[in-house]
C-alpha cells in the first residue's frame, strides 16, 4: 500500500494521529498494520490504542519518531 509522500504526516484521510512532544503526526492504520508487527499488535490486539484516534507516544524525540515514520517504505518514499 504505497500512498506517496503527499500523504505522509498529512491530515487528509488520516485515521490515526500520534502525539509526540506536543506535535501531531498523521498516519494511516492500514500502512502501519501492513508494515510492522508492533503496530499490528497495537491496532489489532487488545491494547487501548486499538480504537484510539489520538495516541500519545512518550519517551521519544520528535525528530526520531518522524524519521521512523517517514522511513516506512509502504507509506512514504524517502
Protein backbone atom coordinates (compact mmCIF):
# COMPACT_ATOMS: atom_id res chain seq x y z
CA UNK A 1 0.00 0.00 0.00
CA UNK A 2 2.08 2.91 -1.26
CA UNK A 3 0.33 6.20 -0.64
CA UNK A 4 3.05 8.58 -1.72
CA UNK A 5 4.86 11.38 0.04
CA UNK A 6 1.88 13.74 -0.25
CA UNK A 7 0.01 11.69 2.38
CA UNK A 8 2.85 11.36 4.89
CA UNK A 9 2.02 13.38 8.01
CA UNK A 10 -0.99 14.84 6.22
CA UNK A 11 -4.38 15.02 7.92
CA UNK A 12 -6.16 14.20 4.65
CA UNK A 13 -7.70 10.74 5.01
CA UNK A 14 -5.59 10.09 8.12
CA UNK A 15 -7.26 7.77 10.62
CA UNK A 16 -4.76 7.95 13.47
CA UNK A 17 -2.69 10.75 14.97
CA UNK A 18 0.41 10.28 17.08
CA UNK A 19 1.22 12.92 19.68
CA UNK A 20 4.95 13.30 20.27
CA UNK A 21 6.48 16.15 22.27
CA UNK A 22 3.32 18.20 21.76
CA UNK A 23 3.37 17.76 17.96
CA UNK A 24 0.98 15.76 15.79
CA UNK A 25 1.98 13.14 13.23
CA UNK A 26 -0.87 12.00 11.00
CA UNK A 27 -0.81 8.40 9.78
CA UNK A 28 -2.82 5.61 8.19
CA UNK A 29 -3.53 2.43 10.15
CA UNK A 30 -3.53 0.20 7.07
CA UNK A 31 0.07 1.16 6.25
CA UNK A 32 1.19 0.66 9.82
CA UNK A 33 -0.61 -2.69 10.12
CA UNK A 34 0.96 -3.92 6.90
CA UNK A 35 4.48 -2.85 7.76
CA UNK A 36 5.05 -3.59 11.44
CA UNK A 37 4.33 -6.39 13.89
CA UNK A 38 4.38 -3.84 16.71
CA UNK A 39 1.75 -1.64 15.06
CA UNK A 40 -0.27 -4.72 14.09
CA UNK A 41 -0.36 -5.74 17.76
CA UNK A 42 -1.25 -2.19 18.80
CA UNK A 43 -4.18 -1.84 16.40
CA UNK A 44 -5.33 -5.45 16.04
CA UNK A 45 -4.72 -6.70 19.56
CA UNK A 46 -6.22 -5.98 22.93
CA UNK A 47 -4.41 -2.72 23.53
CA UNK A 48 -6.20 0.50 24.47
CA UNK A 49 -4.85 2.15 21.29
CA UNK A 50 -6.88 -0.22 19.11
CA UNK A 51 -9.71 2.26 18.58
CA UNK A 52 -7.97 5.46 19.64
CA UNK A 53 -7.85 8.39 17.23
CA UNK A 54 -5.01 10.14 19.09
CA UNK A 55 -2.14 8.11 20.54
CA UNK A 56 0.47 9.71 22.76
CA UNK A 57 3.98 8.32 22.32
CA UNK A 58 6.16 9.19 25.33
CA UNK A 59 9.92 8.92 25.74
CA UNK A 60 10.95 9.60 22.15
CA UNK A 61 12.19 12.76 20.50
CA UNK A 62 10.05 14.18 17.70
CA UNK A 63 12.93 14.01 15.21
CA UNK A 64 13.47 10.29 15.88
CA UNK A 65 9.77 9.45 15.65
CA UNK A 66 9.34 11.43 12.44
CA UNK A 67 12.33 9.71 10.84
CA UNK A 68 10.98 6.31 11.87
CA UNK A 69 7.56 7.06 10.39
CA UNK A 70 8.96 8.56 7.18
CA UNK A 71 11.19 5.52 6.65
CA UNK A 72 8.11 3.27 6.45
CA UNK A 73 8.52 2.07 2.86
CA UNK A 74 4.85 1.18 2.44
CA UNK A 75 3.53 4.64 3.18
CA UNK A 76 6.21 7.01 2.03
CA UNK A 77 9.17 7.43 -0.23
CA UNK A 78 12.41 8.51 1.41
